[in-house]
Amino acid sequence: MESPPETVKAKKSKSKSKNKKAKKKGGPFYDELGPMMHEFGDEAQPNQDSMALMEQVLVEYIRNTLIEINNVNTSGESLKTSDLLFVLRKDPDALQKAQEAPKKSAKQTK
């Protein structure tokens, strides 16, 4: 008489928690870009690839601006607002917005 076949016990796999937050796509400005793009005429929920591209452009602009500010600041001191304004003098729109930002911020905190 033959012995009954051995049963194979299924290994219990420890499943990783499905409740973990999914990794956020994008970088430091990603969450703010959607509403800004919408304000400028894009859809309420802009395409994620468009947002990623806009973030790349924004980060590159900030990086290049900071490099220029650092090159202007030959004193070795901390970067100052005047250094930023000096660099932005080449872009009248950006310069005007940078000059108005502290005024708007002060009004909002009142």
PDB file of N, CA and C in Angstrom:
ATOM      1  N   MET A   1       0.826  -1.156   0.000  1.00  0.00           N
ATOM      2  CA  MET A   1       0.000   0.000   0.000  1.00  0.00           C
ATOM      3  C   MET A   1       0.885   1.238   0.000  1.00  0.00           C
ATOM      4  N   GLU A   2       0.479   2.162  -0.798  1.00  0.00           N
ATOM      5  CA  GLU A   2       1.266   3.392  -0.931  1.00  0.00           C
ATOM      6  C   GLU A   2       0.931   4.371   0.169  1.00  0.00           C
ATOM      7  N   SER A   3       1.967   5.110   0.582  1.00  0.00           N
ATOM      8  CA  SER A   3       1.714   6.128   1.596  1.00  0.00           C
ATOM      9  C   SER A   3       1.105   7.357   0.920  1.00  0.00           C
ATOM     10  N   PRO A   4       0.284   8.064   1.671  1.00  0.00           N
ATOM     11  CA  PRO A   4      -0.347   9.251   1.065  1.00  0.00           C
ATOM     12  C   PRO A   4       0.720  10.288   0.701  1.00  0.00           C
ATOM     13  N   PRO A   5       0.464  11.052  -0.356  1.00  0.00           N
ATOM     14  CA  PRO A   5       1.449  12.049  -0.774  1.00  0.00           C
ATOM     15  C   PRO A   5       1.629  13.117   0.313  1.00  0.00           C
ATOM     16  N   GLU A   6       2.870  13.568   0.386  1.00  0.00           N
ATOM     17  CA  GLU A   6       3.141  14.598   1.377  1.00  0.00           C
ATOM     18  C   GLU A   6       2.482  15.900   0.945  1.00  0.00           C
ATOM     19  N   THR A   7       1.963  16.550   1.917  1.00  0.00           N
ATOM     20  CA  THR A   7       1.358  17.842   1.595  1.00  0.00           C
ATOM     21  C   THR A   7       2.402  18.923   1.769  1.00  0.00           C
ATOM     22  N   VAL A   8       2.389  19.813   0.861  1.00  0.00           N
ATOM     23  CA  VAL A   8       3.325  20.928   0.917  1.00  0.00           C
ATOM     24  C   VAL A   8       2.609  22.090   1.583  1.00  0.00           C
ATOM     25  N   LYS A   9       3.213  22.519   2.655  1.00  0.00           N
ATOM     26  CA  LYS A   9       2.621  23.660   3.336  1.00  0.00           C
ATOM     27  C   LYS A   9       3.048  24.936   2.624  1.00  0.00           C
ATOM     28  N   ALA A  10       2.077  25.760   2.362  1.00  0.00           N
ATOM     29  CA  ALA A  10       2.379  27.046   1.721  1.00  0.00           C
ATOM     30  C   ALA A  10       3.050  27.958   2.727  1.00  0.00           C
ATOM     31  N   LYS A  11       4.109  28.549   2.281  1.00  0.00           N
ATOM     32  CA  LYS A  11       4.790  29.488   3.155  1.00  0.00           C
ATOM     33  C   LYS A  11       3.961  30.764   3.234  1.00  0.00           C
ATOM     34  N   LYS A  12       3.845  31.233   4.432  1.00  0.00           N
ATOM     35  CA  LYS A  12       3.130  32.489   4.594  1.00  0.00           C
ATOM     36  C   LYS A  12       4.100  33.612   4.277  1.00  0.00           C
ATOM     37  N   SER A  13       3.735  34.362   3.276  1.00  0.00           N
ATOM     38  CA  SER A  13       4.610  35.491   2.942  1.00  0.00           C
ATOM     39  C   SER A  13       4.167  36.701   3.744  1.00  0.00           C
ATOM     40  N   LYS A  14       5.146  37.317   4.291  1.00  0.00           N
ATOM     41  CA  LYS A  14       4.842  38.527   5.049  1.00  0.00           C
ATOM     42  C   LYS A  14       4.682  39.662   4.046  1.00  0.00           C
ATOM     43  N   SER A  15       3.439  40.043   3.854  1.00  0.00           N
ATOM     44  CA  SER A  15       3.207  41.117   2.893  1.00  0.00           C
ATOM     45  C   SER A  15       3.535  42.449   3.528  1.00  0.00           C
ATOM     46  N   LYS A  16       4.137  43.287   2.731  1.00  0.00           N
ATOM     47  CA  LYS A  16       4.478  44.611   3.217  1.00  0.00           C
ATOM     48  C   LYS A  16       3.200  45.418   3.355  1.00  0.00           C
ATOM     49  N   SER A  17       3.220  46.299   4.267  1.00  0.00           N
ATOM     50  CA  SER A  17       2.045  47.105   4.542  1.00  0.00           C
ATOM     51  C   SER A  17       1.623  47.867   3.295  1.00  0.00           C
ATOM     52  N   LYS A  18       0.374  47.711   2.944  1.00  0.00           N
ATOM     53  CA  LYS A  18      -0.151  48.411   1.786  1.00  0.00           C
ATOM     54  C   LYS A  18      -0.580  49.823   2.163  1.00  0.00           C
ATOM     55  N   ASN A  19      -0.559  50.103   3.437  1.00  0.00           N
ATOM     56  CA  ASN A  19      -0.985  51.411   3.897  1.00  0.00           C
ATOM     57  C   ASN A  19       0.126  52.437   3.872  1.00  0.00           C
ATOM     58  N   LYS A  20       1.318  52.016   3.498  1.00  0.00           N
ATOM     59  CA  LYS A  20       2.408  52.980   3.423  1.00  0.00           C
ATOM     60  C   LYS A  20       2.089  53.994   2.338  1.00  0.00           C
ATOM     61  N   LYS A  21       2.498  55.210   2.599  1.00  0.00           N
ATOM     62  CA  LYS A  21       2.247  56.263   1.620  1.00  0.00           C
ATOM     63  C   LYS A  21       3.058  55.987   0.369  1.00  0.00           C
ATOM     64  N   ALA A  22       2.435  56.204  -0.764  1.00  0.00           N
ATOM     65  CA  ALA A  22       3.150  56.057  -2.020  1.00  0.00           C
ATOM     66  C   ALA A  22       4.143  57.200  -2.140  1.00  0.00           C
ATOM     67  N   LYS A  23       5.253  56.908  -2.750  1.00  0.00           N
ATOM     68  CA  LYS A  23       6.275  57.936  -2.892  1.00  0.00           C
ATOM     69  C   LYS A  23       5.730  59.068  -3.764  1.00  0.00           C
ATOM     70  N   LYS A  24       5.872  60.281  -3.269  1.00  0.00           N
ATOM     71  CA  LYS A  24       5.361  61.443  -3.964  1.00  0.00           C
ATOM     72  C   LYS A  24       6.183  61.686  -5.213  1.00  0.00           C
ATOM     73  N   LYS A  25       5.508  61.886  -6.327  1.00  0.00           N
ATOM     74  CA  LYS A  25       6.194  62.203  -7.565  1.00  0.00           C
ATOM     75  C   LYS A  25       6.516  63.686  -7.552  1.00  0.00           C
ATOM     76  N   GLY A  26       7.719  64.012  -7.862  1.00  0.00           N
ATOM     77  CA  GLY A  26       8.096  65.406  -7.927  1.00  0.00           C
ATOM     78  C   GLY A  26       8.983  65.806  -6.778  1.00  0.00           C
ATOM     79  N   GLY A  27       9.395  67.048  -6.830  1.00  0.00           N
ATOM     80  CA  GLY A  27      10.318  67.550  -5.836  1.00  0.00           C
ATOM     81  C   GLY A  27       9.681  68.549  -4.892  1.00  0.00           C
ATOM     82  N   PRO A  28      10.459  69.510  -4.435  1.00  0.00           N
ATOM     83  CA  PRO A  28      10.007  70.396  -3.373  1.00  0.00           C
ATOM     84  C   PRO A  28       8.877  71.354  -3.762  1.00  0.00           C
ATOM     85  N   PHE A  29       8.698  71.626  -5.042  1.00  0.00           N
ATOM     86  CA  PHE A  29       7.680  72.585  -5.462  1.00  0.00           C
ATOM     87  C   PHE A  29       6.470  71.921  -6.110  1.00  0.00           C
ATOM     88  N   TYR A  30       6.483  70.617  -6.177  1.00  0.00           N
ATOM     89  CA  TYR A  30       5.472  69.880  -6.940  1.00  0.00           C
ATOM     90  C   TYR A  30       4.048  70.183  -6.475  1.00  0.00           C
ATOM     91  N   ASP A  31       3.823  70.204  -5.168  1.00  0.00           N
ATOM     92  CA  ASP A  31       2.462  70.410  -4.661  1.00  0.00           C
ATOM     93  C   ASP A  31       1.929  71.806  -4.960  1.00  0.00           C
ATOM     94  N   GLU A  32       2.810  72.791  -5.020  1.00  0.00           N
ATOM     95  CA  GLU A  32       2.385  74.159  -5.271  1.00  0.00           C
ATOM     96  C   GLU A  32       2.198  74.458  -6.757  1.00  0.00           C
ATOM     97  N   LEU A  33       2.816  73.671  -7.611  1.00  0.00           N
ATOM     98  CA  LEU A  33       2.769  73.951  -9.042  1.00  0.00           C
ATOM     99  C   LEU A  33       1.385  73.771  -9.643  1.00  0.00           C
ATOM    100  N   GLY A  34       0.641  72.774  -9.208  1.00  0.00           N
ATOM    101  CA  GLY A  34      -0.690  72.528  -9.767  1.00  0.00           C
ATOM    102  C   GLY A  34      -1.593  73.747  -9.659  1.00  0.00           C
ATOM    103  N   PRO A  35      -1.774  74.282  -8.452  1.00  0.00           N
ATOM    104  CA  PRO A  35      -2.604  75.481  -8.325  1.00  0.00           C
ATOM    105  C   PRO A  35      -2.053  76.685  -9.102  1.00  0.00           C
ATOM    106  N   MET A  36      -0.723  76.831  -9.132  1.00  0.00           N
ATOM    107  CA  MET A  36      -0.151  77.963  -9.884  1.00  0.00           C
ATOM    108  C   MET A  36      -0.414  77.808 -11.377  1.00  0.00           C
ATOM    109  N   MET A  37      -0.242  76.599 -11.878  1.00  0.00           N
ATOM    110  CA  MET A  37      -0.485  76.374 -13.302  1.00  0.00           C
ATOM    111  C   MET A  37      -1.954  76.600 -13.626  1.00  0.00           C
ATOM    112  N   HIS A  38      -2.828  76.206 -12.726  1.00  0.00           N
ATOM    113  CA  HIS A  38      -4.265  76.421 -12.922  1.00  0.00           C
ATOM    114  C   HIS A  38      -4.574  77.921 -12.965  1.00  0.00           C
ATOM    115  N   GLU A  39      -3.942  78.700 -12.086  1.00  0.00           N
ATOM    116  CA  GLU A  39      -4.131  80.154 -12.063  1.00  0.00           C
ATOM    117  C   GLU A  39      -3.730  80.789 -13.394  1.00  0.00           C
ATOM    118  N   PHE A  40      -2.758  80.194 -14.055  1.00  0.00           N
ATOM    119  CA  PHE A  40      -2.281  80.735 -15.327  1.00  0.00           C
ATOM    120  C   PHE A  40      -2.972  80.091 -16.530  1.00  0.00           C
ATOM    121  N   GLY A  41      -4.079  79.390 -16.300  1.00  0.00           N
ATOM    122  CA  GLY A  41      -4.898  78.925 -17.414  1.00  0.00           C
ATOM    123  C   GLY A  41      -4.860  77.442 -17.714  1.00  0.00           C
ATOM    124  N   ASP A  42      -4.121  76.663 -16.959  1.00  0.00           N
ATOM    125  CA  ASP A  42      -4.087  75.222 -17.188  1.00  0.00           C
ATOM    126  C   ASP A  42      -5.332  74.594 -16.560  1.00  0.00           C
ATOM    127  N   GLU A  43      -5.478  73.307 -16.748  1.00  0.00           N
ATOM    128  CA  GLU A  43      -6.605  72.577 -16.163  1.00  0.00           C
ATOM    129  C   GLU A  43      -6.508  72.594 -14.639  1.00  0.00           C
ATOM    130  N   ALA A  44      -7.614  72.294 -13.976  1.00  0.00           N
ATOM    131  CA  ALA A  44      -7.624  72.260 -12.505  1.00  0.00           C
ATOM    132  C   ALA A  44      -6.642  71.211 -11.988  1.00  0.00           C
ATOM    133  N   GLN A  45      -6.515  70.097 -12.682  1.00  0.00           N
ATOM    134  CA  GLN A  45      -5.552  69.041 -12.349  1.00  0.00           C
ATOM    135  C   GLN A  45      -4.587  68.908 -13.526  1.00  0.00           C
ATOM    136  N   PRO A  46      -3.527  69.705 -13.563  1.00  0.00           N
ATOM    137  CA  PRO A  46      -2.593  69.648 -14.696  1.00  0.00           C
ATOM    138  C   PRO A  46      -1.945  68.273 -14.841  1.00  0.00           C
ATOM    139  N   ASN A  47      -1.534  67.986 -16.046  1.00  0.00           N
ATOM    140  CA  ASN A  47      -0.850  66.739 -16.360  1.00  0.00           C
ATOM    141  C   ASN A  47       0.407  66.619 -15.506  1.00  0.00           C
ATOM    142  N   GLN A  48       0.630  65.449 -14.940  1.00  0.00           N
ATOM    143  CA  GLN A  48       1.778  65.240 -14.052  1.00  0.00           C
ATOM    144  C   GLN A  48       3.110  65.432 -14.767  1.00  0.00           C
ATOM    145  N   ASP A  49       3.168  65.032 -16.027  1.00  0.00           N
ATOM    146  CA  ASP A  49       4.407  65.220 -16.781  1.00  0.00           C
ATOM    147  C   ASP A  49       4.682  66.708 -16.999  1.00  0.00           C
ATOM    148  N   SER A  50       3.632  67.481 -17.247  1.00  0.00           N
ATOM    149  CA  SER A  50       3.787  68.932 -17.408  1.00  0.00           C
ATOM    150  C   SER A  50       4.265  69.562 -16.111  1.00  0.00           C
ATOM    151  N   MET A  51       3.698  69.100 -14.997  1.00  0.00           N
ATOM    152  CA  MET A  51       4.110  69.629 -13.699  1.00  0.00           C
ATOM    153  C   MET A  51       5.568  69.278 -13.406  1.00  0.00           C
ATOM    154  N   ALA A  52       5.970  68.069 -13.748  1.00  0.00           N
ATOM    155  CA  ALA A  52       7.356  67.656 -13.523  1.00  0.00           C
ATOM    156  C   ALA A  52       8.311  68.500 -14.366  1.00  0.00           C
ATOM    157  N   LEU A  53       7.922  68.777 -15.609  1.00  0.00           N
ATOM    158  CA  LEU A  53       8.750  69.608 -16.477  1.00  0.00           C
ATOM    159  C   LEU A  53       8.835  71.036 -15.937  1.00  0.00           C
ATOM    160  N   MET A  54       7.705  71.587 -15.511  1.00  0.00           N
ATOM    161  CA  MET A  54       7.697  72.938 -14.951  1.00  0.00           C
ATOM    162  C   MET A  54       8.575  73.008 -13.705  1.00  0.00           C
ATOM    163  N   GLU A  55       8.541  71.956 -12.898  1.00  0.00           N
ATOM    164  CA  GLU A  55       9.368  71.946 -11.701  1.00  0.00           C
ATOM    165  C   GLU A  55      10.850  71.918 -12.073  1.00  0.00           C
ATOM    166  N   GLN A  56      11.200  71.161 -13.090  1.00  0.00           N
ATOM    167  CA  GLN A  56      12.596  71.128 -13.548  1.00  0.00           C
ATOM    168  C   GLN A  56      13.045  72.515 -13.977  1.00  0.00           C
ATOM    169  N   VAL A  57      12.197  73.206 -14.732  1.00  0.00           N
ATOM    170  CA  VAL A  57      12.521  74.552 -15.203  1.00  0.00           C
ATOM    171  C   VAL A  57      12.683  75.496 -14.015  1.00  0.00           C
ATOM    172  N   LEU A  58      11.767  75.403 -13.048  1.00  0.00           N
ATOM    173  CA  LEU A  58      11.807  76.262 -11.867  1.00  0.00           C
ATOM    174  C   LEU A  58      13.073  76.025 -11.043  1.00  0.00           C
ATOM    175  N   VAL A  59      13.391  74.772 -10.806  1.00  0.00           N
ATOM    176  CA  VAL A  59      14.586  74.443 -10.021  1.00  0.00           C
ATOM    177  C   VAL A  59      15.845  74.929 -10.746  1.00  0.00           C
ATOM    178  N   GLU A  60      15.894  74.754 -12.055  1.00  0.00           N
ATOM    179  CA  GLU A  60      17.049  75.213 -12.825  1.00  0.00           C
ATOM    180  C   GLU A  60      17.164  76.741 -12.752  1.00  0.00           C
ATOM    181  N   TYR A  61      16.039  77.452 -12.845  1.00  0.00           N
ATOM    182  CA  TYR A  61      16.046  78.911 -12.753  1.00  0.00           C
ATOM    183  C   TYR A  61      16.565  79.362 -11.388  1.00  0.00           C
ATOM    184  N   ILE A  62      16.058  78.735 -10.333  1.00  0.00           N
ATOM    185  CA  ILE A  62      16.494  79.090  -8.975  1.00  0.00           C
ATOM    186  C   ILE A  62      17.976  78.796  -8.795  1.00  0.00           C
ATOM    187  N   ARG A  63      18.405  77.637  -9.256  1.00  0.00           N
ATOM    188  CA  ARG A  63      19.817  77.251  -9.129  1.00  0.00           C
ATOM    189  C   ARG A  63      20.710  78.260  -9.861  1.00  0.00           C
ATOM    190  N   ASN A  64      20.359  78.591 -11.104  1.00  0.00           N
ATOM    191  CA  ASN A  64      21.162  79.533 -11.880  1.00  0.00           C
ATOM    192  C   ASN A  64      21.177  80.923 -11.238  1.00  0.00           C
ATOM    193  N   THR A  65      20.034  81.342 -10.706  1.00  0.00           N
ATOM    194  CA  THR A  65      19.958  82.639 -10.045  1.00  0.00           C
ATOM    195  C   THR A  65      20.841  82.656  -8.802  1.00  0.00           C
ATOM    196  N   LEU A  66      20.811  81.592  -8.020  1.00  0.00           N
ATOM    197  CA  LEU A  66      21.654  81.517  -6.830  1.00  0.00           C
ATOM    198  C   LEU A  66      23.142  81.507  -7.189  1.00  0.00           C
ATOM    199  N   ILE A  67      23.489  80.850  -8.269  1.00  0.00           N
ATOM    200  CA  ILE A  67      24.888  80.850  -8.717  1.00  0.00           C
ATOM    201  C   ILE A  67      25.309  82.272  -9.092  1.00  0.00           C
ATOM    202  N   GLU A  68      24.428  82.986  -9.815  1.00  0.00           N
ATOM    203  CA  GLU A  68      24.742  84.369 -10.183  1.00  0.00           C
ATOM    204  C   GLU A  68      24.881  85.247  -8.950  1.00  0.00           C
ATOM    205  N   ILE A  69      23.986  85.074  -7.986  1.00  0.00           N
ATOM    206  CA  ILE A  69      24.061  85.857  -6.745  1.00  0.00           C
ATOM    207  C   ILE A  69      25.377  85.570  -6.033  1.00  0.00           C
ATOM    208  N   ASN A  70      25.752  84.323  -5.987  1.00  0.00           N
ATOM    209  CA  ASN A  70      27.002  83.942  -5.330  1.00  0.00           C
ATOM    210  C   ASN A  70      28.205  84.564  -6.043  1.00  0.00           C
ATOM    211  N   ASN A  71      28.148  84.648  -7.357  1.00  0.00           N
ATOM    212  CA  ASN A  71      29.238  85.257  -8.121  1.00  0.00           C
ATOM    213  C   ASN A  71      29.320  86.764  -7.884  1.00  0.00           C
ATOM    214  N   VAL A  72      28.173  87.393  -7.679  1.00  0.00           N
ATOM    215  CA  VAL A  72      28.117  88.833  -7.430  1.00  0.00           C
ATOM    216  C   VAL A  72      28.634  89.155  -6.035  1.00  0.00           C
ATOM    217  N   ASN A  73      28.344  88.287  -5.094  1.00  0.00           N
ATOM    218  CA  ASN A  73      28.726  88.506  -3.698  1.00  0.00           C
ATOM    219  C   ASN A  73      30.188  88.113  -3.509  1.00  0.00           C
ATOM    220  N   THR A  74      31.064  89.090  -3.694  1.00  0.00           N
ATOM    221  CA  THR A  74      32.497  88.809  -3.572  1.00  0.00           C
ATOM    222  C   THR A  74      33.016  89.056  -2.162  1.00  0.00           C
ATOM    223  N   SER A  75      32.147  89.560  -1.286  1.00  0.00           N
ATOM    224  CA  SER A  75      32.588  89.896   0.070  1.00  0.00           C
ATOM    225  C   SER A  75      32.765  88.661   0.952  1.00  0.00           C
ATOM    226  N   GLY A  76      32.176  87.548   0.555  1.00  0.00           N
ATOM    227  CA  GLY A  76      32.263  86.346   1.367  1.00  0.00           C
ATOM    228  C   GLY A  76      31.239  86.318   2.493  1.00  0.00           C
ATOM    229  N   GLU A  77      30.426  87.364   2.587  1.00  0.00           N
ATOM    230  CA  GLU A  77      29.384  87.411   3.609  1.00  0.00           C
ATOM    231  C   GLU A  77      28.173  86.606   3.147  1.00  0.00           C
ATOM    232  N   SER A  78      27.197  86.515   4.026  1.00  0.00           N
ATOM    233  CA  SER A  78      25.941  85.842   3.668  1.00  0.00           C
ATOM    234  C   SER A  78      25.276  86.582   2.519  1.00  0.00           C
ATOM    235  N   LEU A  79      24.518  85.839   1.741  1.00  0.00           N
ATOM    236  CA  LEU A  79      23.796  86.458   0.634  1.00  0.00           C
ATOM    237  C   LEU A  79      22.743  87.416   1.182  1.00  0.00           C
ATOM    238  N   LYS A  80      22.575  88.518   0.496  1.00  0.00           N
ATOM    239  CA  LYS A  80      21.642  89.547   0.942  1.00  0.00           C
ATOM    240  C   LYS A  80      20.572  89.772  -0.111  1.00  0.00           C
ATOM    241  N   THR A  81      19.503  90.399   0.326  1.00  0.00           N
ATOM    242  CA  THR A  81      18.427  90.746  -0.594  1.00  0.00           C
ATOM    243  C   THR A  81      18.950  91.655  -1.692  1.00  0.00           C
ATOM    244  N   SER A  82      19.840  92.548  -1.356  1.00  0.00           N
ATOM    245  CA  SER A  82      20.395  93.471  -2.363  1.00  0.00           C
ATOM    246  C   SER A  82      21.144  92.709  -3.460  1.00  0.00           C
ATOM    247  N   ASP A  83      21.777  91.583  -3.097  1.00  0.00           N
ATOM    248  CA  ASP A  83      22.451  90.748  -4.103  1.00  0.00           C
ATOM    249  C   ASP A  83      21.427  90.171  -5.080  1.00  0.00           C
ATOM    250  N   LEU A  84      20.315  89.703  -4.541  1.00  0.00           N
ATOM    251  CA  LEU A  84      19.245  89.156  -5.390  1.00  0.00           C
ATOM    252  C   LEU A  84      18.712  90.229  -6.323  1.00  0.00           C
ATOM    253  N   LEU A  85      18.415  91.396  -5.780  1.00  0.00           N
ATOM    254  CA  LEU A  85      17.863  92.476  -6.598  1.00  0.00           C
ATOM    255  C   LEU A  85      18.852  92.907  -7.675  1.00  0.00           C
ATOM    256  N   PHE A  86      20.141  92.890  -7.360  1.00  0.00           N
ATOM    257  CA  PHE A  86      21.158  93.239  -8.347  1.00  0.00           C
ATOM    258  C   PHE A  86      21.139  92.261  -9.513  1.00  0.00           C
ATOM    259  N   VAL A  87      21.042  90.984  -9.209  1.00  0.00           N
ATOM    260  CA  VAL A  87      21.019  89.966 -10.266  1.00  0.00           C
ATOM    261  C   VAL A  87      19.732  90.062 -11.080  1.00  0.00           C
ATOM    262  N   LEU A  88      18.624  90.336 -10.418  1.00  0.00           N
ATOM    263  CA  LEU A  88      17.328  90.390 -11.110  1.00  0.00           C
ATOM    264  C   LEU A  88      17.147  91.669 -11.924  1.00  0.00           C
ATOM    265  N   ARG A  89      18.067  92.616 -11.838  1.00  0.00           N
ATOM    266  CA  ARG A  89      17.929  93.875 -12.576  1.00  0.00           C
ATOM    267  C   ARG A  89      17.815  93.636 -14.080  1.00  0.00           C
ATOM    268  N   LYS A  90      18.331  92.503 -14.550  1.00  0.00           N
ATOM    269  CA  LYS A  90      18.286  92.163 -15.976  1.00  0.00           C
ATOM    270  C   LYS A  90      16.887  91.738 -16.420  1.00  0.00           C
ATOM    271  N   ASP A  91      16.040  91.367 -15.465  1.00  0.00           N
ATOM    272  CA  ASP A  91      14.678  90.908 -15.750  1.00  0.00           C
ATOM    273  C   ASP A  91      13.701  91.822 -15.006  1.00  0.00           C
ATOM    274  N   PRO A  92      13.221  92.876 -15.672  1.00  0.00           N
ATOM    275  CA  PRO A  92      12.380  93.870 -14.998  1.00  0.00           C
ATOM    276  C   PRO A  92      11.144  93.289 -14.312  1.00  0.00           C
ATOM    277  N   ASP A  93      10.511  92.290 -14.919  1.00  0.00           N
ATOM    278  CA  ASP A  93       9.317  91.681 -14.299  1.00  0.00           C
ATOM    279  C   ASP A  93       9.675  90.966 -13.004  1.00  0.00           C
ATOM    280  N   ALA A  94      10.738  90.178 -13.037  1.00  0.00           N
ATOM    281  CA  ALA A  94      11.167  89.450 -11.839  1.00  0.00           C
ATOM    282  C   ALA A  94      11.624  90.431 -10.762  1.00  0.00           C
ATOM    283  N   LEU A  95      12.301  91.491 -11.168  1.00  0.00           N
ATOM    284  CA  LEU A  95      12.762  92.494 -10.217  1.00  0.00           C
ATOM    285  C   LEU A  95      11.578  93.165  -9.522  1.00  0.00           C
ATOM    286  N   GLN A  96      10.576  93.523 -10.297  1.00  0.00           N
ATOM    287  CA  GLN A  96       9.395  94.172  -9.719  1.00  0.00           C
ATOM    288  C   GLN A  96       8.690  93.235  -8.732  1.00  0.00           C
ATOM    289  N   LYS A  97       8.531  91.976  -9.092  1.00  0.00           N
ATOM    290  CA  LYS A  97       7.873  91.014  -8.201  1.00  0.00           C
ATOM    291  C   LYS A  97       8.689  90.797  -6.924  1.00  0.00           C
ATOM    292  N   ALA A  98      10.005  90.754  -7.060  1.00  0.00           N
ATOM    293  CA  ALA A  98      10.862  90.567  -5.887  1.00  0.00           C
ATOM    294  C   ALA A  98      10.782  91.771  -4.957  1.00  0.00           C
ATOM    295  N   GLN A  99      10.624  92.949  -5.524  1.00  0.00           N
ATOM    296  CA  GLN A  99      10.514  94.150  -4.704  1.00  0.00           C
ATOM    297  C   GLN A  99       9.150  94.243  -4.023  1.00  0.00           C
ATOM    298  N   GLU A 100       8.109  93.715  -4.675  1.00  0.00           N
ATOM    299  CA  GLU A 100       6.757  93.772  -4.121  1.00  0.00           C
ATOM    300  C   GLU A 100       6.485  92.663  -3.106  1.00  0.00           C
ATOM    301  N   ALA A 101       7.214  91.567  -3.177  1.00  0.00           N
ATOM    302  CA  ALA A 101       6.944  90.407  -2.315  1.00  0.00           C
ATOM    303  C   ALA A 101       6.976  90.746  -0.827  1.00  0.00           C
ATOM    304  N   PRO A 102       7.973  91.465  -0.328  1.00  0.00           N
ATOM    305  CA  PRO A 102       7.961  91.777   1.115  1.00  0.00           C
ATOM    306  C   PRO A 102       6.760  92.644   1.518  1.00  0.00           C
ATOM    307  N   LYS A 103       6.339  93.527   0.630  1.00  0.00           N
ATOM    308  CA  LYS A 103       5.184  94.382   0.920  1.00  0.00           C
ATOM    309  C   LYS A 103       3.917  93.540   1.029  1.00  0.00           C
ATOM    310  N   LYS A 104       3.741  92.600   0.115  1.00  0.00           N
ATOM    311  CA  LYS A 104       2.571  91.720   0.144  1.00  0.00           C
ATOM    312  C   LYS A 104       2.593  90.834   1.387  1.00  0.00           C
ATOM    313  N   SER A 105       3.773  90.345   1.721  1.00  0.00           N
ATOM    314  CA  SER A 105       3.911  89.492   2.893  1.00  0.00           C
ATOM    315  C   SER A 105       3.552  90.257   4.159  1.00  0.00           C
ATOM    316  N   ALA A 106       3.980  91.494   4.241  1.00  0.00           N
ATOM    317  CA  ALA A 106       3.684  92.327   5.421  1.00  0.00           C
ATOM    318  C   ALA A 106       2.186  92.584   5.537  1.00  0.00           C
ATOM    319  N   LYS A 107       1.517  92.805   4.415  1.00  0.00           N
ATOM    320  CA  LYS A 107       0.070  93.030   4.429  1.00  0.00           C
ATOM    321  C   LYS A 107      -0.683  91.792   4.886  1.00  0.00           C
ATOM    322  N   GLN A 108      -0.212  90.615   4.477  1.00  0.00           N
ATOM    323  CA  GLN A 108      -0.885  89.360   4.829  1.00  0.00           C
ATOM    324  C   GLN A 108      -0.741  89.024   6.311  1.00  0.00           C
ATOM    325  N   THR A 109       0.329  89.459   6.927  1.00  0.00           N
ATOM    326  CA  THR A 109       0.546  89.127   8.345  1.00  0.00           C
ATOM    327  C   THR A 109      -0.184  90.082   9.274  1.00  0.00           C
ATOM    328  N   LYS A 110      -0.714  91.157   8.737  1.00  0.00           N
ATOM    329  CA  LYS A 110      -1.457  92.122   9.584  1.00  0.00           C
ATOM    330  C   LYS A 110      -2.831  91.634   9.909  1.00  0.00           C
TER     331      LYS A 110
END
